[in-house]
Amino acid sequence: MPEALKLDRLDLRILAQLQKNGRITNVDLADAVGLSPSPCLIRVKRLEQAGFIAGYGAHLRLEKLGDALTVFTEVSLTDHHREDFIRFEAAIREIDEILECHLVSGGYDYLLRFITRGVNHYQEIIEGLLDRNIGIEKYFSYIVIKSPFVKTHCPIEKLFPQER
């Protein structure tokens, strides 16, 4: 089995820059992290091959496309056997409007994030899930009124500080 890739501070800087701007040129990336372009590109390719970089994409401004509603939903399952969690997760994975699913501790089992055309669209999806009998005991919906900010990157270098 191949040895796991050890990341150093330069690798973390590269990841931090790429998550902020996936379209950055290799020359600009190299300059931002303090490397010359060739070694920087080698590191990026190595990070991609090792699976640290899952992909690249565009962050869209949905409000420019039209109305969109974000809803957070707490879901409690009727039963808590392994098969119940597997069945529920498999069923909701198919719903394109569910962008996030988190199994959480506390007063409910899952926290879901939906993006829909509006309240009626959200209600149609929920009713469809209830009709499928996938183990939902109860759910609570929280409609987002305003999102003052949504970060699309995490503080890599603060979360995973490297010894100098």
N, C-alpha and C. Protein backbone atom coordinates (compact mmCIF):
# COMPACT_ATOMS: atom_id res chain seq x y z
N MET A 1 0.84 -1.18 0.00
CA MET A 1 0.00 0.00 0.00
C MET A 1 0.88 1.24 0.00
N PRO A 2 0.63 2.23 -0.89
CA PRO A 2 1.48 3.41 -0.93
C PRO A 2 1.37 4.23 0.35
N GLU A 3 2.49 4.85 0.69
CA GLU A 3 2.53 5.68 1.90
C GLU A 3 1.69 6.94 1.67
N ALA A 4 0.97 7.36 2.71
CA ALA A 4 0.13 8.56 2.61
C ALA A 4 1.01 9.78 2.37
N LEU A 5 0.52 10.66 1.52
CA LEU A 5 1.24 11.88 1.20
C LEU A 5 1.27 12.80 2.41
N LYS A 6 2.46 13.22 2.80
CA LYS A 6 2.60 14.18 3.90
C LYS A 6 2.61 15.58 3.30
N LEU A 7 1.79 16.44 3.86
CA LEU A 7 1.70 17.81 3.38
C LEU A 7 2.58 18.73 4.19
N ASP A 8 3.24 19.64 3.51
CA ASP A 8 4.02 20.65 4.21
C ASP A 8 3.32 22.00 4.07
N ARG A 9 3.92 23.03 4.59
CA ARG A 9 3.27 24.35 4.59
C ARG A 9 3.05 24.88 3.18
N LEU A 10 3.93 24.54 2.24
CA LEU A 10 3.74 24.99 0.86
C LEU A 10 2.53 24.30 0.22
N ASP A 11 2.37 23.00 0.51
CA ASP A 11 1.18 22.29 0.01
C ASP A 11 -0.09 22.94 0.55
N LEU A 12 -0.09 23.27 1.83
CA LEU A 12 -1.27 23.91 2.43
C LEU A 12 -1.53 25.28 1.82
N ARG A 13 -0.47 26.02 1.54
CA ARG A 13 -0.65 27.32 0.89
C ARG A 13 -1.26 27.16 -0.51
N ILE A 14 -0.79 26.15 -1.22
CA ILE A 14 -1.33 25.88 -2.55
C ILE A 14 -2.82 25.55 -2.45
N LEU A 15 -3.18 24.67 -1.53
CA LEU A 15 -4.59 24.31 -1.35
C LEU A 15 -5.43 25.52 -0.97
N ALA A 16 -4.90 26.34 -0.08
CA ALA A 16 -5.64 27.54 0.36
C ALA A 16 -5.87 28.47 -0.83
N GLN A 17 -4.88 28.67 -1.66
CA GLN A 17 -5.03 29.55 -2.82
C GLN A 17 -6.01 28.96 -3.84
N LEU A 18 -5.89 27.67 -4.12
CA LEU A 18 -6.75 27.04 -5.12
C LEU A 18 -8.21 27.03 -4.71
N GLN A 19 -8.49 26.88 -3.41
CA GLN A 19 -9.90 26.87 -3.02
C GLN A 19 -10.50 28.26 -3.11
N LYS A 20 -9.68 29.29 -3.04
CA LYS A 20 -10.17 30.66 -3.21
C LYS A 20 -10.33 31.02 -4.68
N ASN A 21 -9.45 30.47 -5.53
CA ASN A 21 -9.49 30.79 -6.95
C ASN A 21 -8.95 29.61 -7.75
N GLY A 22 -9.85 28.73 -8.14
CA GLY A 22 -9.47 27.53 -8.89
C GLY A 22 -8.98 27.83 -10.29
N ARG A 23 -9.18 29.06 -10.77
CA ARG A 23 -8.75 29.44 -12.13
C ARG A 23 -7.43 30.19 -12.13
N ILE A 24 -6.80 30.29 -10.98
CA ILE A 24 -5.53 31.00 -10.90
C ILE A 24 -4.52 30.31 -11.82
N THR A 25 -3.72 31.11 -12.51
CA THR A 25 -2.71 30.51 -13.38
C THR A 25 -1.61 29.91 -12.52
N ASN A 26 -0.89 28.95 -13.07
CA ASN A 26 0.19 28.33 -12.34
C ASN A 26 1.25 29.36 -11.97
N VAL A 27 1.51 30.32 -12.85
CA VAL A 27 2.51 31.36 -12.57
C VAL A 27 2.08 32.21 -11.38
N ASP A 28 0.81 32.62 -11.37
CA ASP A 28 0.31 33.43 -10.25
C ASP A 28 0.25 32.61 -8.96
N LEU A 29 -0.12 31.35 -9.08
CA LEU A 29 -0.15 30.47 -7.90
C LEU A 29 1.26 30.31 -7.32
N ALA A 30 2.21 30.06 -8.19
CA ALA A 30 3.59 29.90 -7.75
C ALA A 30 4.07 31.15 -7.03
N ASP A 31 3.75 32.31 -7.60
CA ASP A 31 4.15 33.58 -6.99
C ASP A 31 3.48 33.75 -5.62
N ALA A 32 2.21 33.39 -5.52
CA ALA A 32 1.46 33.56 -4.27
C ALA A 32 1.99 32.67 -3.15
N VAL A 33 2.54 31.51 -3.49
CA VAL A 33 3.00 30.58 -2.45
C VAL A 33 4.51 30.58 -2.28
N GLY A 34 5.21 31.35 -3.11
CA GLY A 34 6.66 31.47 -2.96
C GLY A 34 7.45 30.35 -3.60
N LEU A 35 6.99 29.86 -4.74
CA LEU A 35 7.71 28.83 -5.49
C LEU A 35 7.92 29.30 -6.92
N SER A 36 8.78 28.60 -7.63
CA SER A 36 8.87 28.85 -9.06
C SER A 36 7.79 27.99 -9.73
N PRO A 37 7.38 28.33 -10.95
CA PRO A 37 6.24 27.66 -11.59
C PRO A 37 6.37 26.14 -11.73
N SER A 38 7.52 25.65 -12.12
CA SER A 38 7.65 24.20 -12.36
C SER A 38 7.43 23.37 -11.10
N PRO A 39 8.12 23.67 -9.99
CA PRO A 39 7.85 22.90 -8.76
C PRO A 39 6.42 23.07 -8.26
N CYS A 40 5.84 24.25 -8.49
CA CYS A 40 4.46 24.49 -8.06
C CYS A 40 3.52 23.56 -8.83
N LEU A 41 3.69 23.49 -10.13
CA LEU A 41 2.84 22.62 -10.94
C LEU A 41 3.00 21.16 -10.54
N ILE A 42 4.21 20.75 -10.25
CA ILE A 42 4.45 19.36 -9.80
C ILE A 42 3.69 19.09 -8.51
N ARG A 43 3.71 20.04 -7.58
CA ARG A 43 2.98 19.89 -6.33
C ARG A 43 1.47 19.82 -6.56
N VAL A 44 0.95 20.68 -7.42
CA VAL A 44 -0.49 20.67 -7.71
C VAL A 44 -0.90 19.33 -8.28
N LYS A 45 -0.14 18.82 -9.24
CA LYS A 45 -0.46 17.51 -9.84
C LYS A 45 -0.41 16.41 -8.79
N ARG A 46 0.58 16.47 -7.90
CA ARG A 46 0.70 15.48 -6.84
C ARG A 46 -0.50 15.55 -5.88
N LEU A 47 -0.94 16.76 -5.55
CA LEU A 47 -2.10 16.95 -4.67
C LEU A 47 -3.37 16.43 -5.35
N GLU A 48 -3.50 16.65 -6.65
CA GLU A 48 -4.65 16.13 -7.39
C GLU A 48 -4.64 14.61 -7.40
N GLN A 49 -3.50 14.02 -7.72
CA GLN A 49 -3.39 12.56 -7.80
C GLN A 49 -3.62 11.89 -6.45
N ALA A 50 -3.23 12.57 -5.38
CA ALA A 50 -3.41 12.02 -4.03
C ALA A 50 -4.84 12.20 -3.51
N GLY A 51 -5.67 12.93 -4.26
CA GLY A 51 -7.07 13.09 -3.88
C GLY A 51 -7.37 14.25 -2.96
N PHE A 52 -6.38 15.12 -2.70
CA PHE A 52 -6.65 16.27 -1.85
C PHE A 52 -7.50 17.30 -2.57
N ILE A 53 -7.40 17.34 -3.89
CA ILE A 53 -8.20 18.25 -4.70
C ILE A 53 -9.26 17.39 -5.39
N ALA A 54 -10.50 17.60 -5.00
CA ALA A 54 -11.59 16.77 -5.53
C ALA A 54 -12.07 17.25 -6.89
N GLY A 55 -11.84 18.52 -7.21
CA GLY A 55 -12.28 19.05 -8.49
C GLY A 55 -12.26 20.56 -8.47
N TYR A 56 -12.64 21.13 -9.59
CA TYR A 56 -12.69 22.58 -9.74
C TYR A 56 -14.07 22.95 -10.24
N GLY A 57 -14.56 24.11 -9.85
CA GLY A 57 -15.89 24.51 -10.29
C GLY A 57 -16.08 26.01 -10.18
N ALA A 58 -17.24 26.46 -10.61
CA ALA A 58 -17.59 27.88 -10.57
C ALA A 58 -18.59 28.12 -9.44
N HIS A 59 -18.43 29.21 -8.73
CA HIS A 59 -19.39 29.63 -7.71
C HIS A 59 -20.40 30.54 -8.39
N LEU A 60 -21.64 30.11 -8.43
CA LEU A 60 -22.67 30.86 -9.15
C LEU A 60 -23.42 31.81 -8.23
N ARG A 61 -23.86 32.92 -8.77
CA ARG A 61 -24.73 33.86 -8.06
C ARG A 61 -26.15 33.55 -8.52
N LEU A 62 -26.82 32.69 -7.76
CA LEU A 62 -28.14 32.23 -8.15
C LEU A 62 -29.15 33.37 -8.27
N GLU A 63 -28.98 34.43 -7.49
CA GLU A 63 -29.93 35.54 -7.54
C GLU A 63 -29.93 36.21 -8.92
N LYS A 64 -28.85 36.06 -9.67
CA LYS A 64 -28.80 36.60 -11.03
C LYS A 64 -29.64 35.75 -11.98
N LEU A 65 -29.86 34.49 -11.63
CA LEU A 65 -30.63 33.58 -12.48
C LEU A 65 -32.12 33.66 -12.18
N GLY A 66 -32.47 34.03 -10.97
CA GLY A 66 -33.88 34.11 -10.58
C GLY A 66 -34.01 33.86 -9.09
N ASP A 67 -35.26 33.69 -8.65
CA ASP A 67 -35.51 33.45 -7.23
C ASP A 67 -35.09 32.03 -6.85
N ALA A 68 -34.44 31.93 -5.71
CA ALA A 68 -34.06 30.63 -5.16
C ALA A 68 -34.22 30.73 -3.65
N LEU A 69 -34.69 29.66 -3.05
CA LEU A 69 -34.94 29.62 -1.62
C LEU A 69 -34.04 28.57 -0.98
N THR A 70 -33.33 28.98 0.07
CA THR A 70 -32.53 28.04 0.84
C THR A 70 -33.33 27.65 2.08
N VAL A 71 -33.38 26.35 2.35
CA VAL A 71 -34.09 25.84 3.52
C VAL A 71 -33.19 24.84 4.23
N PHE A 72 -33.01 25.03 5.53
CA PHE A 72 -32.34 24.03 6.36
C PHE A 72 -33.43 23.19 7.00
N THR A 73 -33.23 21.89 7.02
CA THR A 73 -34.25 20.98 7.54
C THR A 73 -33.62 19.99 8.52
N GLU A 74 -34.19 19.95 9.72
CA GLU A 74 -33.81 18.94 10.70
C GLU A 74 -34.70 17.73 10.47
N VAL A 75 -34.09 16.55 10.42
CA VAL A 75 -34.86 15.33 10.19
C VAL A 75 -34.55 14.33 11.31
N SER A 76 -35.62 13.76 11.88
CA SER A 76 -35.48 12.67 12.85
C SER A 76 -36.04 11.40 12.21
N LEU A 77 -35.31 10.32 12.37
CA LEU A 77 -35.76 9.04 11.83
C LEU A 77 -36.57 8.29 12.87
N THR A 78 -37.47 7.44 12.38
CA THR A 78 -38.31 6.64 13.26
C THR A 78 -37.47 5.61 14.02
N ASP A 79 -36.60 4.91 13.30
CA ASP A 79 -35.74 3.89 13.90
C ASP A 79 -34.29 4.24 13.66
N HIS A 80 -33.43 3.64 14.47
CA HIS A 80 -32.02 4.00 14.41
C HIS A 80 -31.11 2.79 14.24
N HIS A 81 -31.51 1.91 13.35
CA HIS A 81 -30.65 0.78 13.00
C HIS A 81 -29.80 1.19 11.81
N ARG A 82 -28.70 0.50 11.64
CA ARG A 82 -27.79 0.82 10.54
C ARG A 82 -28.53 0.88 9.20
N GLU A 83 -29.40 -0.06 8.96
CA GLU A 83 -30.14 -0.13 7.70
C GLU A 83 -31.03 1.10 7.49
N ASP A 84 -31.54 1.66 8.60
CA ASP A 84 -32.40 2.85 8.51
C ASP A 84 -31.62 4.05 8.00
N PHE A 85 -30.41 4.21 8.51
CA PHE A 85 -29.57 5.31 8.06
C PHE A 85 -29.16 5.12 6.60
N ILE A 86 -28.81 3.91 6.24
CA ILE A 86 -28.41 3.61 4.86
C ILE A 86 -29.57 3.88 3.90
N ARG A 87 -30.77 3.43 4.25
CA ARG A 87 -31.94 3.63 3.39
C ARG A 87 -32.24 5.12 3.21
N PHE A 88 -32.23 5.85 4.31
CA PHE A 88 -32.51 7.29 4.25
C PHE A 88 -31.48 8.01 3.39
N GLU A 89 -30.20 7.77 3.65
CA GLU A 89 -29.14 8.46 2.91
C GLU A 89 -29.19 8.13 1.42
N ALA A 90 -29.46 6.88 1.09
CA ALA A 90 -29.54 6.49 -0.33
C ALA A 90 -30.70 7.22 -1.02
N ALA A 91 -31.82 7.35 -0.33
CA ALA A 91 -32.99 8.00 -0.92
C ALA A 91 -32.77 9.50 -1.14
N ILE A 92 -32.19 10.18 -0.17
CA ILE A 92 -32.05 11.63 -0.32
C ILE A 92 -30.88 12.00 -1.23
N ARG A 93 -29.94 11.09 -1.40
CA ARG A 93 -28.81 11.34 -2.30
C ARG A 93 -29.31 11.60 -3.72
N GLU A 94 -30.47 11.04 -4.07
CA GLU A 94 -31.05 11.17 -5.41
C GLU A 94 -31.73 12.53 -5.63
N ILE A 95 -31.94 13.30 -4.58
CA ILE A 95 -32.67 14.57 -4.68
C ILE A 95 -31.68 15.69 -4.99
N ASP A 96 -31.73 16.21 -6.21
CA ASP A 96 -30.78 17.24 -6.64
C ASP A 96 -30.87 18.50 -5.80
N GLU A 97 -32.04 18.83 -5.29
CA GLU A 97 -32.22 20.06 -4.53
C GLU A 97 -31.62 19.99 -3.12
N ILE A 98 -31.21 18.80 -2.69
CA ILE A 98 -30.53 18.67 -1.39
C ILE A 98 -29.04 18.79 -1.66
N LEU A 99 -28.46 19.90 -1.20
CA LEU A 99 -27.06 20.18 -1.46
C LEU A 99 -26.14 19.63 -0.38
N GLU A 100 -26.64 19.50 0.84
CA GLU A 100 -25.83 19.00 1.95
C GLU A 100 -26.67 18.09 2.82
N CYS A 101 -26.01 17.08 3.36
CA CYS A 101 -26.63 16.17 4.32
C CYS A 101 -25.60 15.89 5.40
N HIS A 102 -25.98 16.16 6.65
CA HIS A 102 -25.07 15.96 7.78
C HIS A 102 -25.76 15.10 8.83
N LEU A 103 -25.14 14.00 9.21
CA LEU A 103 -25.59 13.21 10.34
C LEU A 103 -25.03 13.91 11.57
N VAL A 104 -25.91 14.30 12.49
CA VAL A 104 -25.48 15.13 13.62
C VAL A 104 -25.87 14.49 14.95
N SER A 105 -25.23 14.96 16.01
CA SER A 105 -25.62 14.54 17.35
C SER A 105 -26.59 15.59 17.89
N GLY A 106 -27.36 15.22 18.88
CA GLY A 106 -28.27 16.17 19.48
C GLY A 106 -29.71 15.73 19.37
N GLY A 107 -30.60 16.69 19.20
CA GLY A 107 -32.03 16.45 19.25
C GLY A 107 -32.65 15.88 17.99
N TYR A 108 -31.90 15.76 16.91
CA TYR A 108 -32.41 15.18 15.66
C TYR A 108 -31.27 14.43 15.00
N ASP A 109 -31.55 13.76 13.91
CA ASP A 109 -30.54 12.89 13.29
C ASP A 109 -29.76 13.55 12.16
N TYR A 110 -30.46 14.27 11.28
CA TYR A 110 -29.82 14.85 10.10
C TYR A 110 -30.13 16.33 9.98
N LEU A 111 -29.19 17.06 9.42
CA LEU A 111 -29.41 18.44 9.01
C LEU A 111 -29.17 18.48 7.51
N LEU A 112 -30.20 18.92 6.78
CA LEU A 112 -30.14 18.99 5.33
C LEU A 112 -30.20 20.45 4.88
N ARG A 113 -29.55 20.73 3.76
CA ARG A 113 -29.67 22.06 3.15
C ARG A 113 -30.24 21.89 1.75
N PHE A 114 -31.39 22.52 1.55
CA PHE A 114 -32.09 22.48 0.27
C PHE A 114 -31.91 23.81 -0.46
N ILE A 115 -31.95 23.76 -1.77
CA ILE A 115 -32.11 24.96 -2.58
C ILE A 115 -33.28 24.67 -3.52
N THR A 116 -34.30 25.54 -3.48
CA THR A 116 -35.52 25.30 -4.26
C THR A 116 -35.98 26.60 -4.93
N ARG A 117 -36.99 26.47 -5.79
CA ARG A 117 -37.57 27.64 -6.46
C ARG A 117 -38.42 28.47 -5.51
N GLY A 118 -38.86 27.88 -4.42
CA GLY A 118 -39.72 28.57 -3.47
C GLY A 118 -40.31 27.60 -2.48
N VAL A 119 -41.19 28.10 -1.63
CA VAL A 119 -41.79 27.29 -0.57
C VAL A 119 -42.59 26.12 -1.15
N ASN A 120 -43.37 26.37 -2.19
CA ASN A 120 -44.18 25.29 -2.77
C ASN A 120 -43.31 24.18 -3.34
N HIS A 121 -42.23 24.54 -4.00
CA HIS A 121 -41.30 23.55 -4.53
C HIS A 121 -40.69 22.72 -3.39
N TYR A 122 -40.27 23.41 -2.32
CA TYR A 122 -39.72 22.71 -1.15
C TYR A 122 -40.75 21.74 -0.58
N GLN A 123 -42.00 22.19 -0.45
CA GLN A 123 -43.04 21.34 0.13
C GLN A 123 -43.30 20.11 -0.75
N GLU A 124 -43.25 20.27 -2.06
CA GLU A 124 -43.40 19.13 -2.97
C GLU A 124 -42.32 18.09 -2.73
N ILE A 125 -41.09 18.55 -2.55
CA ILE A 125 -39.98 17.62 -2.32
C ILE A 125 -40.16 16.88 -1.00
N ILE A 126 -40.50 17.62 0.06
CA ILE A 126 -40.70 17.00 1.38
C ILE A 126 -41.84 15.99 1.32
N GLU A 127 -42.94 16.36 0.71
CA GLU A 127 -44.07 15.42 0.61
C GLU A 127 -43.68 14.18 -0.18
N GLY A 128 -42.87 14.35 -1.22
CA GLY A 128 -42.39 13.21 -1.99
C GLY A 128 -41.52 12.29 -1.14
N LEU A 129 -40.68 12.89 -0.29
CA LEU A 129 -39.85 12.07 0.60
C LEU A 129 -40.70 11.32 1.62
N LEU A 130 -41.70 11.98 2.17
CA LEU A 130 -42.59 11.33 3.13
C LEU A 130 -43.36 10.19 2.47
N ASP A 131 -43.79 10.39 1.23
CA ASP A 131 -44.52 9.35 0.50
C ASP A 131 -43.65 8.12 0.23
N ARG A 132 -42.36 8.30 0.16
CA ARG A 132 -41.45 7.19 -0.15
C ARG A 132 -41.22 6.27 1.05
N ASN A 133 -41.69 6.66 2.22
CA ASN A 133 -41.56 5.82 3.41
C ASN A 133 -40.10 5.41 3.65
N ILE A 134 -39.25 6.42 3.81
CA ILE A 134 -37.82 6.15 4.04
C ILE A 134 -37.41 6.34 5.49
N GLY A 135 -38.39 6.33 6.39
CA GLY A 135 -38.08 6.35 7.82
C GLY A 135 -38.10 7.71 8.48
N ILE A 136 -38.68 8.71 7.84
CA ILE A 136 -38.73 10.04 8.46
C ILE A 136 -39.86 10.06 9.49
N GLU A 137 -39.48 10.30 10.75
CA GLU A 137 -40.48 10.42 11.82
C GLU A 137 -41.04 11.83 11.86
N LYS A 138 -40.13 12.82 11.85
CA LYS A 138 -40.55 14.22 11.87
C LYS A 138 -39.46 15.08 11.26
N TYR A 139 -39.85 16.28 10.85
CA TYR A 139 -38.88 17.22 10.29
C TYR A 139 -39.29 18.64 10.67
N PHE A 140 -38.30 19.49 10.75
CA PHE A 140 -38.51 20.91 11.02
C PHE A 140 -37.77 21.70 9.96
N SER A 141 -38.44 22.70 9.40
CA SER A 141 -37.88 23.48 8.31
C SER A 141 -37.53 24.89 8.77
N TYR A 142 -36.41 25.38 8.30
CA TYR A 142 -35.96 26.74 8.61
C TYR A 142 -35.66 27.44 7.29
N ILE A 143 -36.53 28.36 6.93
CA ILE A 143 -36.38 29.10 5.67
C ILE A 143 -35.39 30.23 5.89
N VAL A 144 -34.41 30.31 5.02
CA VAL A 144 -33.40 31.36 5.11
C VAL A 144 -33.97 32.66 4.54
N ILE A 145 -33.98 33.69 5.35
CA ILE A 145 -34.47 35.00 4.95
C ILE A 145 -33.36 35.78 4.23
N LYS A 146 -32.17 35.72 4.80
CA LYS A 146 -31.03 36.45 4.25
C LYS A 146 -29.75 35.73 4.66
N SER A 147 -28.78 35.72 3.79
CA SER A 147 -27.47 35.15 4.10
C SER A 147 -26.44 36.28 4.01
N PRO A 148 -26.11 36.93 5.14
CA PRO A 148 -25.16 38.04 5.09
C PRO A 148 -23.83 37.65 4.45
N PHE A 149 -23.40 36.41 4.64
CA PHE A 149 -22.24 35.91 3.92
C PHE A 149 -22.26 34.39 3.93
N VAL A 150 -21.67 33.82 2.91
CA VAL A 150 -21.46 32.38 2.80
C VAL A 150 -20.04 32.20 2.31
N LYS A 151 -19.20 31.61 3.11
CA LYS A 151 -17.82 31.39 2.71
C LYS A 151 -17.74 30.11 1.89
N THR A 152 -16.94 30.16 0.85
CA THR A 152 -16.78 28.98 0.00
C THR A 152 -15.42 28.34 0.18
N HIS A 153 -14.68 28.84 1.14
CA HIS A 153 -13.37 28.25 1.43
C HIS A 153 -13.21 28.16 2.95
N CYS A 154 -12.36 27.25 3.39
CA CYS A 154 -12.12 27.12 4.82
C CYS A 154 -10.67 27.53 5.11
N PRO A 155 -10.39 27.89 6.35
CA PRO A 155 -9.05 28.38 6.71
C PRO A 155 -8.05 27.23 6.86
N ILE A 156 -7.64 26.68 5.73
CA ILE A 156 -6.77 25.50 5.69
C ILE A 156 -5.56 25.63 6.61
N GLU A 157 -4.85 26.75 6.50
CA GLU A 157 -3.61 26.89 7.25
C GLU A 157 -3.85 27.04 8.75
N LYS A 158 -5.04 27.50 9.15
CA LYS A 158 -5.37 27.57 10.58
C LYS A 158 -5.86 26.24 11.12
N LEU A 159 -6.57 25.50 10.27
CA LEU A 159 -7.08 24.19 10.70
C LEU A 159 -5.97 23.14 10.80
N PHE A 160 -5.00 23.25 9.92
CA PHE A 160 -3.94 22.24 9.85
C PHE A 160 -2.57 22.90 9.89
N PRO A 161 -2.24 23.55 11.00
CA PRO A 161 -0.95 24.23 11.08
C PRO A 161 0.19 23.22 11.03
N GLN A 162 1.24 23.61 10.35
CA GLN A 162 2.41 22.74 10.21
C GLN A 162 3.52 23.25 11.11
N GLU A 163 4.31 22.32 11.60
CA GLU A 163 5.49 22.70 12.39
C GLU A 163 6.47 23.40 11.45
N ARG A 164 7.11 24.41 11.94
CA ARG A 164 8.09 25.14 11.09
C ARG A 164 9.47 24.64 11.34
